[in-house]
Amino acid sequence: MKVYRIPQHLQTLIFDIDSTLYTNPAYAFEQVDVQVRHFAELRGMQPGEARTMINEYRKNWSVQHGGQKISMGNTMKAFGISIEESIRWRETLLDPSHFLTKDKKLTEVLHKLSGRYTLICVTNNPVKPARKTLEALGIEALIPVIIGLDTCNISKPAKEPFLLAAEKTGTEPGNCLSIGDRYDIDIALPLELGMGGLLVSGVTDVYGLEQILETYSLN
């Protein structure tokens, strides 16, 4: 876990979902690979050929942009797959219930946090599969609002999803904290918007979030 900034008057916690609210390498891989396999099928390619092509594109993009990472949605746009089509793919291809189970410890932590802060999710997945993910984890009632790829039709990192999260929770951006597992996607832009930023390596770090926030509130 790395703390970049905790707002002095913290009101809203903005959570990424994938590899933040759960740690499951198999599902993290499947979310990307199922799209690659579908892309390969549509283009008449072998899955391995498509994986190599897309991985090379993402690697080269990162080199050309100072080590930053590009989202899968923006990667697919470069290959002629619109955000709208990407949304349709994910809505039909992703099934988190095959990989995830209810997380009692996460539920307890988020329940405690919800008593002090407003919780909301901002994800690069569409709302439907994102909601299924929260349901599989058993936390859907604790985070009723999700800003997804189909909400703004734009992938993180982009200011629109984060600013909409602040608006929907009635919170000034400076009183929001963005929590996610990728600095370039989840943290860098919120910091530019005046939000706080907390980089996690997975759900184990989220388990300790209450203690971290209590520590900073006392300083």
C-alpha atoms as a PDB file:
ATOM      1  CA  MET A   1       0.000   0.000   0.000  1.00  0.00           C
ATOM      2  CA  LYS A   2       1.203   3.493  -0.790  1.00  0.00           C
ATOM      3  CA  VAL A   3      -0.515   6.623   0.465  1.00  0.00           C
ATOM      4  CA  TYR A   4      -0.178   9.597  -1.869  1.00  0.00           C
ATOM      5  CA  ARG A   5      -2.668  11.930  -0.220  1.00  0.00           C
ATOM      6  CA  ILE A   6      -5.508  11.633   2.283  1.00  0.00           C
ATOM      7  CA  PRO A   7      -7.945  14.587   2.207  1.00  0.00           C
ATOM      8  CA  GLN A   8      -8.235  16.454   5.475  1.00  0.00           C
ATOM      9  CA  HIS A   9     -12.031  16.491   5.257  1.00  0.00           C
ATOM     10  CA  LEU A  10     -12.542  13.070   3.709  1.00  0.00           C
ATOM     11  CA  GLN A  11     -16.145  12.248   2.781  1.00  0.00           C
ATOM     12  CA  THR A  12     -16.148   9.853  -0.172  1.00  0.00           C
ATOM     13  CA  LEU A  13     -14.157   6.707  -0.934  1.00  0.00           C
ATOM     14  CA  ILE A  14     -13.933   5.936  -4.660  1.00  0.00           C
ATOM     15  CA  PHE A  15     -13.006   2.287  -5.168  1.00  0.00           C
ATOM     16  CA  ASP A  16     -11.690   0.596  -8.244  1.00  0.00           C
ATOM     17  CA  ILE A  17     -13.067  -2.954  -8.353  1.00  0.00           C
ATOM     18  CA  ASP A  18     -10.868  -5.418 -10.215  1.00  0.00           C
ATOM     19  CA  SER A  19      -7.712  -6.447  -8.335  1.00  0.00           C
ATOM     20  CA  THR A  20      -8.661  -3.876  -5.683  1.00  0.00           C
ATOM     21  CA  LEU A  21     -11.764  -5.292  -3.968  1.00  0.00           C
ATOM     22  CA  TYR A  22     -10.629  -8.824  -4.708  1.00  0.00           C
ATOM     23  CA  THR A  23      -7.366 -10.581  -5.486  1.00  0.00           C
ATOM     24  CA  ASN A  24      -7.815 -13.313  -8.062  1.00  0.00           C
ATOM     25  CA  PRO A  25      -5.129 -13.545 -10.765  1.00  0.00           C
ATOM     26  CA  ALA A  26      -7.141 -16.090 -12.744  1.00  0.00           C
ATOM     27  CA  TYR A  27     -10.118 -13.756 -13.099  1.00  0.00           C
ATOM     28  CA  ALA A  28      -7.904 -10.735 -13.702  1.00  0.00           C
ATOM     29  CA  PHE A  29      -6.335 -12.647 -16.610  1.00  0.00           C
ATOM     30  CA  GLU A  30      -9.680 -13.943 -17.880  1.00  0.00           C
ATOM     31  CA  GLN A  31     -11.217 -10.466 -18.078  1.00  0.00           C
ATOM     32  CA  VAL A  32      -8.599  -9.483 -20.636  1.00  0.00           C
ATOM     33  CA  ASP A  33      -8.116 -12.808 -22.327  1.00  0.00           C
ATOM     34  CA  VAL A  34     -11.796 -13.492 -22.965  1.00  0.00           C
ATOM     35  CA  GLN A  35     -11.886 -10.283 -24.984  1.00  0.00           C
ATOM     36  CA  VAL A  36      -8.711 -11.220 -26.823  1.00  0.00           C
ATOM     37  CA  ARG A  37     -10.128 -14.647 -27.685  1.00  0.00           C
ATOM     38  CA  HIS A  38     -13.367 -13.094 -28.931  1.00  0.00           C
ATOM     39  CA  PHE A  39     -11.401 -10.562 -30.991  1.00  0.00           C
ATOM     40  CA  ALA A  40      -9.354 -13.417 -32.476  1.00  0.00           C
ATOM     41  CA  GLU A  41     -12.489 -15.332 -33.390  1.00  0.00           C
ATOM     42  CA  LEU A  42     -13.996 -12.326 -35.154  1.00  0.00           C
ATOM     43  CA  ARG A  43     -10.771 -11.648 -37.061  1.00  0.00           C
ATOM     44  CA  GLY A  44     -10.151 -15.283 -37.983  1.00  0.00           C
ATOM     45  CA  MET A  45      -6.950 -15.410 -35.953  1.00  0.00           C
ATOM     46  CA  GLN A  46      -5.517 -17.884 -33.492  1.00  0.00           C
ATOM     47  CA  PRO A  47      -5.823 -16.716 -29.850  1.00  0.00           C
ATOM     48  CA  GLY A  48      -2.050 -16.815 -29.384  1.00  0.00           C
ATOM     49  CA  GLU A  49      -1.542 -14.565 -32.396  1.00  0.00           C
ATOM     50  CA  ALA A  50      -4.069 -12.062 -31.067  1.00  0.00           C
ATOM     51  CA  ARG A  51      -2.506 -12.142 -27.586  1.00  0.00           C
ATOM     52  CA  THR A  52       0.912 -11.372 -29.024  1.00  0.00           C
ATOM     53  CA  MET A  53      -0.397  -8.541 -31.197  1.00  0.00           C
ATOM     54  CA  ILE A  54      -2.338  -6.875 -28.384  1.00  0.00           C
ATOM     55  CA  ASN A  55       0.403  -7.361 -25.786  1.00  0.00           C
ATOM     56  CA  GLU A  56       2.965  -5.851 -28.155  1.00  0.00           C
ATOM     57  CA  TYR A  57       0.712  -2.861 -28.763  1.00  0.00           C
ATOM     58  CA  ARG A  58       0.243  -2.242 -25.029  1.00  0.00           C
ATOM     59  CA  LYS A  59       3.969  -2.640 -24.371  1.00  0.00           C
ATOM     60  CA  ASN A  60       4.935  -0.236 -27.161  1.00  0.00           C
ATOM     61  CA  TRP A  61       2.293   2.274 -26.051  1.00  0.00           C
ATOM     62  CA  SER A  62       3.733   2.195 -22.542  1.00  0.00           C
ATOM     63  CA  VAL A  63       7.260   2.822 -23.837  1.00  0.00           C
ATOM     64  CA  GLN A  64       6.051   5.744 -25.953  1.00  0.00           C
ATOM     65  CA  HIS A  65       4.184   7.273 -22.990  1.00  0.00           C
ATOM     66  CA  GLY A  66       6.838   7.216 -20.308  1.00  0.00           C
ATOM     67  CA  GLY A  67       5.875   3.893 -18.778  1.00  0.00           C
ATOM     68  CA  GLN A  68       2.163   4.666 -18.371  1.00  0.00           C
ATOM     69  CA  LYS A  69      -0.374   1.874 -18.881  1.00  0.00           C
ATOM     70  CA  ILE A  70      -3.266   1.855 -21.325  1.00  0.00           C
ATOM     71  CA  SER A  71      -6.673   0.410 -20.447  1.00  0.00           C
ATOM     72  CA  MET A  72      -8.037  -2.568 -22.335  1.00  0.00           C
ATOM     73  CA  GLY A  73     -10.926  -0.466 -23.632  1.00  0.00           C
ATOM     74  CA  ASN A  74      -8.556   2.062 -25.175  1.00  0.00           C
ATOM     75  CA  THR A  75      -6.383  -0.763 -26.494  1.00  0.00           C
ATOM     76  CA  MET A  76      -9.326  -2.311 -28.309  1.00  0.00           C
ATOM     77  CA  LYS A  77     -10.236   1.104 -29.761  1.00  0.00           C
ATOM     78  CA  ALA A  78      -6.836   1.106 -31.452  1.00  0.00           C
ATOM     79  CA  PHE A  79      -7.863  -2.144 -33.178  1.00  0.00           C
ATOM     80  CA  GLY A  80     -11.190  -0.787 -34.385  1.00  0.00           C
ATOM     81  CA  ILE A  81     -13.388  -1.975 -31.511  1.00  0.00           C
ATOM     82  CA  SER A  82     -15.502   0.919 -30.279  1.00  0.00           C
ATOM     83  CA  ILE A  83     -16.185   1.521 -26.609  1.00  0.00           C
ATOM     84  CA  GLU A  84     -19.836   0.644 -27.271  1.00  0.00           C
ATOM     85  CA  GLU A  85     -18.868  -2.718 -28.774  1.00  0.00           C
ATOM     86  CA  SER A  86     -16.396  -3.346 -25.959  1.00  0.00           C
ATOM     87  CA  ILE A  87     -19.222  -2.761 -23.498  1.00  0.00           C
ATOM     88  CA  ARG A  88     -21.417  -5.343 -25.260  1.00  0.00           C
ATOM     89  CA  TRP A  89     -18.601  -7.889 -25.232  1.00  0.00           C
ATOM     90  CA  ARG A  90     -17.983  -7.549 -21.509  1.00  0.00           C
ATOM     91  CA  GLU A  91     -21.669  -7.664 -20.634  1.00  0.00           C
ATOM     92  CA  THR A  92     -22.028 -11.038 -22.347  1.00  0.00           C
ATOM     93  CA  LEU A  93     -18.576 -12.599 -21.864  1.00  0.00           C
ATOM     94  CA  LEU A  94     -17.743 -11.859 -18.214  1.00  0.00           C
ATOM     95  CA  ASP A  95     -19.099 -14.004 -15.383  1.00  0.00           C
ATOM     96  CA  PRO A  96     -17.314 -13.269 -12.083  1.00  0.00           C
ATOM     97  CA  SER A  97     -19.359 -15.896 -10.208  1.00  0.00           C
ATOM     98  CA  HIS A  98     -17.163 -18.563 -11.822  1.00  0.00           C
ATOM     99  CA  PHE A  99     -14.122 -17.124 -10.048  1.00  0.00           C
ATOM    100  CA  LEU A 100     -15.179 -15.132  -6.975  1.00  0.00           C
ATOM    101  CA  THR A 101     -16.908 -15.973  -3.688  1.00  0.00           C
ATOM    102  CA  LYS A 102     -18.315 -13.920  -0.830  1.00  0.00           C
ATOM    103  CA  ASP A 103     -15.660 -12.133   1.223  1.00  0.00           C
ATOM    104  CA  LYS A 104     -16.796 -11.847   4.830  1.00  0.00           C
ATOM    105  CA  LYS A 105     -13.798  -9.804   5.946  1.00  0.00           C
ATOM    106  CA  LEU A 106     -14.233  -7.292   3.119  1.00  0.00           C
ATOM    107  CA  THR A 107     -17.926  -7.000   3.964  1.00  0.00           C
ATOM    108  CA  GLU A 108     -17.109  -6.211   7.599  1.00  0.00           C
ATOM    109  CA  VAL A 109     -14.522  -3.581   6.648  1.00  0.00           C
ATOM    110  CA  LEU A 110     -16.768  -1.843   4.120  1.00  0.00           C
ATOM    111  CA  HIS A 111     -19.700  -1.917   6.542  1.00  0.00           C
ATOM    112  CA  LYS A 112     -17.617  -0.031   9.104  1.00  0.00           C
ATOM    113  CA  LEU A 113     -16.342   2.439   6.508  1.00  0.00           C
ATOM    114  CA  SER A 114     -19.859   3.077   5.202  1.00  0.00           C
ATOM    115  CA  GLY A 115     -20.778   4.424   8.618  1.00  0.00           C
ATOM    116  CA  ARG A 116     -18.276   7.253   8.198  1.00  0.00           C
ATOM    117  CA  TYR A 117     -17.909   7.740   4.448  1.00  0.00           C
ATOM    118  CA  THR A 118     -19.896   7.441   1.229  1.00  0.00           C
ATOM    119  CA  LEU A 119     -18.685   4.494  -0.861  1.00  0.00           C
ATOM    120  CA  ILE A 120     -18.808   4.416  -4.661  1.00  0.00           C
ATOM    121  CA  CYS A 121     -17.055   2.436  -7.397  1.00  0.00           C
ATOM    122  CA  VAL A 122     -15.431   3.702 -10.596  1.00  0.00           C
ATOM    123  CA  THR A 123     -14.467   0.890 -12.950  1.00  0.00           C
ATOM    124  CA  ASN A 124     -13.436   0.372 -16.552  1.00  0.00           C
ATOM    125  CA  ASN A 125     -15.931  -2.475 -16.816  1.00  0.00           C
ATOM    126  CA  PRO A 126     -19.568  -1.814 -17.712  1.00  0.00           C
ATOM    127  CA  VAL A 127     -21.971  -1.484 -14.798  1.00  0.00           C
ATOM    128  CA  LYS A 128     -23.649  -4.874 -15.361  1.00  0.00           C
ATOM    129  CA  PRO A 129     -20.566  -7.105 -14.946  1.00  0.00           C
ATOM    130  CA  ALA A 130     -19.256  -4.760 -12.241  1.00  0.00           C
ATOM    131  CA  ARG A 131     -22.493  -5.215 -10.299  1.00  0.00           C
ATOM    132  CA  LYS A 132     -22.174  -8.988 -10.731  1.00  0.00           C
ATOM    133  CA  THR A 133     -18.677  -8.752  -9.242  1.00  0.00           C
ATOM    134  CA  LEU A 134     -19.931  -6.929  -6.150  1.00  0.00           C
ATOM    135  CA  GLU A 135     -22.726  -9.486  -5.830  1.00  0.00           C
ATOM    136  CA  ALA A 136     -20.255 -12.376  -6.044  1.00  0.00           C
ATOM    137  CA  LEU A 137     -18.218 -10.742  -3.256  1.00  0.00           C
ATOM    138  CA  GLY A 138     -21.359 -10.138  -1.186  1.00  0.00           C
ATOM    139  CA  ILE A 139     -20.895  -6.352  -0.976  1.00  0.00           C
ATOM    140  CA  GLU A 140     -23.467  -5.057  -3.477  1.00  0.00           C
ATOM    141  CA  ALA A 141     -25.650  -3.465  -0.781  1.00  0.00           C
ATOM    142  CA  LEU A 142     -22.710  -1.506   0.637  1.00  0.00           C
ATOM    143  CA  ILE A 143     -21.802   0.162  -2.673  1.00  0.00           C
ATOM    144  CA  PRO A 144     -25.102   0.893  -4.441  1.00  0.00           C
ATOM    145  CA  VAL A 145     -23.694   3.221  -7.117  1.00  0.00           C
ATOM    146  CA  ILE A 146     -21.192   2.203  -9.788  1.00  0.00           C
ATOM    147  CA  ILE A 147     -19.682   4.478 -12.432  1.00  0.00           C
ATOM    148  CA  GLY A 148     -18.840   2.102 -15.280  1.00  0.00           C
ATOM    149  CA  LEU A 149     -17.485   2.191 -18.792  1.00  0.00           C
ATOM    150  CA  ASP A 150     -21.028   2.566 -20.117  1.00  0.00           C
ATOM    151  CA  THR A 151     -21.806   5.469 -17.779  1.00  0.00           C
ATOM    152  CA  CYS A 152     -19.478   7.975 -19.447  1.00  0.00           C
ATOM    153  CA  ASN A 153     -18.394   5.863 -22.458  1.00  0.00           C
ATOM    154  CA  ILE A 154     -14.781   6.593 -21.615  1.00  0.00           C
ATOM    155  CA  SER A 155     -12.105   4.570 -19.831  1.00  0.00           C
ATOM    156  CA  LYS A 156     -10.027   5.577 -16.879  1.00  0.00           C
ATOM    157  CA  PRO A 157      -7.760   7.448 -16.788  1.00  0.00           C
ATOM    158  CA  ALA A 158     -10.216  10.202 -17.693  1.00  0.00           C
ATOM    159  CA  LYS A 159     -11.572  12.948 -15.494  1.00  0.00           C
ATOM    160  CA  GLU A 160     -15.263  12.405 -16.306  1.00  0.00           C
ATOM    161  CA  PRO A 161     -15.832   9.182 -14.287  1.00  0.00           C
ATOM    162  CA  PHE A 162     -14.074  10.564 -11.210  1.00  0.00           C
ATOM    163  CA  LEU A 163     -15.830  13.915 -11.313  1.00  0.00           C
ATOM    164  CA  LEU A 164     -19.163  12.156 -11.799  1.00  0.00           C
ATOM    165  CA  ALA A 165     -18.444  10.025  -8.724  1.00  0.00           C
ATOM    166  CA  ALA A 166     -17.908  13.195  -6.696  1.00  0.00           C
ATOM    167  CA  GLU A 167     -21.088  14.727  -8.118  1.00  0.00           C
ATOM    168  CA  LYS A 168     -23.221  11.654  -7.408  1.00  0.00           C
ATOM    169  CA  THR A 169     -22.037  11.537  -3.810  1.00  0.00           C
ATOM    170  CA  GLY A 170     -22.492  15.289  -3.320  1.00  0.00           C
ATOM    171  CA  THR A 171     -18.834  15.701  -2.476  1.00  0.00           C
ATOM    172  CA  GLU A 172     -16.216  18.198  -3.607  1.00  0.00           C
ATOM    173  CA  PRO A 173     -13.352  16.445  -5.448  1.00  0.00           C
ATOM    174  CA  GLY A 174     -10.943  17.614  -2.763  1.00  0.00           C
ATOM    175  CA  ASN A 175     -12.861  15.555  -0.203  1.00  0.00           C
ATOM    176  CA  CYS A 176     -12.680  12.307  -2.204  1.00  0.00           C
ATOM    177  CA  LEU A 177     -10.116   9.510  -1.986  1.00  0.00           C
ATOM    178  CA  SER A 178      -9.458   7.273  -5.000  1.00  0.00           C
ATOM    179  CA  ILE A 179      -8.359   3.737  -4.114  1.00  0.00           C
ATOM    180  CA  GLY A 180      -7.026   1.363  -6.753  1.00  0.00           C
ATOM    181  CA  ASP A 181      -4.286  -1.041  -7.789  1.00  0.00           C
ATOM    182  CA  ARG A 182      -2.877   0.853 -10.801  1.00  0.00           C
ATOM    183  CA  TYR A 183      -1.236   4.223 -10.342  1.00  0.00           C
ATOM    184  CA  ASP A 184      -1.611   5.384 -13.950  1.00  0.00           C
ATOM    185  CA  ILE A 185      -5.263   4.308 -14.171  1.00  0.00           C
ATOM    186  CA  ASP A 186      -6.659   4.867 -10.667  1.00  0.00           C
ATOM    187  CA  ILE A 187      -4.447   7.367  -8.852  1.00  0.00           C
ATOM    188  CA  ALA A 188      -2.540   9.830 -11.048  1.00  0.00           C
ATOM    189  CA  LEU A 189      -5.517  11.703 -12.518  1.00  0.00           C
ATOM    190  CA  PRO A 190      -7.504  11.909  -9.250  1.00  0.00           C
ATOM    191  CA  LEU A 191      -4.444  13.521  -7.680  1.00  0.00           C
ATOM    192  CA  GLU A 192      -4.440  16.092 -10.483  1.00  0.00           C
ATOM    193  CA  LEU A 193      -8.122  16.757  -9.757  1.00  0.00           C
ATOM    194  CA  GLY A 194      -7.293  17.503  -6.128  1.00  0.00           C
ATOM    195  CA  MET A 195      -8.499  14.174  -4.781  1.00  0.00           C
ATOM    196  CA  GLY A 196      -6.590  11.894  -2.488  1.00  0.00           C
ATOM    197  CA  GLY A 197      -4.916   8.761  -3.748  1.00  0.00           C
ATOM    198  CA  LEU A 198      -4.214   5.380  -2.186  1.00  0.00           C
ATOM    199  CA  LEU A 199      -2.462   2.660  -4.196  1.00  0.00           C
ATOM    200  CA  VAL A 200      -3.171  -0.907  -3.083  1.00  0.00           C
ATOM    201  CA  SER A 201      -1.750  -4.241  -4.164  1.00  0.00           C
ATOM    202  CA  GLY A 202      -5.013  -6.099  -3.650  1.00  0.00           C
ATOM    203  CA  VAL A 203      -7.839  -6.720  -1.239  1.00  0.00           C
ATOM    204  CA  THR A 204      -5.508  -7.468   1.689  1.00  0.00           C
ATOM    205  CA  ASP A 205      -4.559  -3.783   1.703  1.00  0.00           C
ATOM    206  CA  VAL A 206      -8.241  -2.825   1.667  1.00  0.00           C
ATOM    207  CA  TYR A 207      -8.727  -4.930   4.797  1.00  0.00           C
ATOM    208  CA  GLY A 208      -6.439  -2.465   6.601  1.00  0.00           C
ATOM    209  CA  LEU A 209      -8.033   0.666   5.176  1.00  0.00           C
ATOM    210  CA  GLU A 210      -9.968   1.593   8.306  1.00  0.00           C
ATOM    211  CA  GLN A 211      -6.785   1.673  10.387  1.00  0.00           C
ATOM    212  CA  ILE A 212      -4.953   3.734   7.773  1.00  0.00           C
ATOM    213  CA  LEU A 213      -7.699   6.348   7.639  1.00  0.00           C
ATOM    214  CA  GLU A 214      -7.926   6.505  11.416  1.00  0.00           C
ATOM    215  CA  THR A 215      -4.178   7.083  11.626  1.00  0.00           C
ATOM    216  CA  TYR A 216      -4.294   9.969   9.181  1.00  0.00           C
ATOM    217  CA  SER A 217      -7.357  11.523  10.822  1.00  0.00           C
ATOM    218  CA  LEU A 218      -5.421  11.738  14.076  1.00  0.00           C
ATOM    219  CA  ASN A 219      -2.472  13.534  12.497  1.00  0.00           C
END
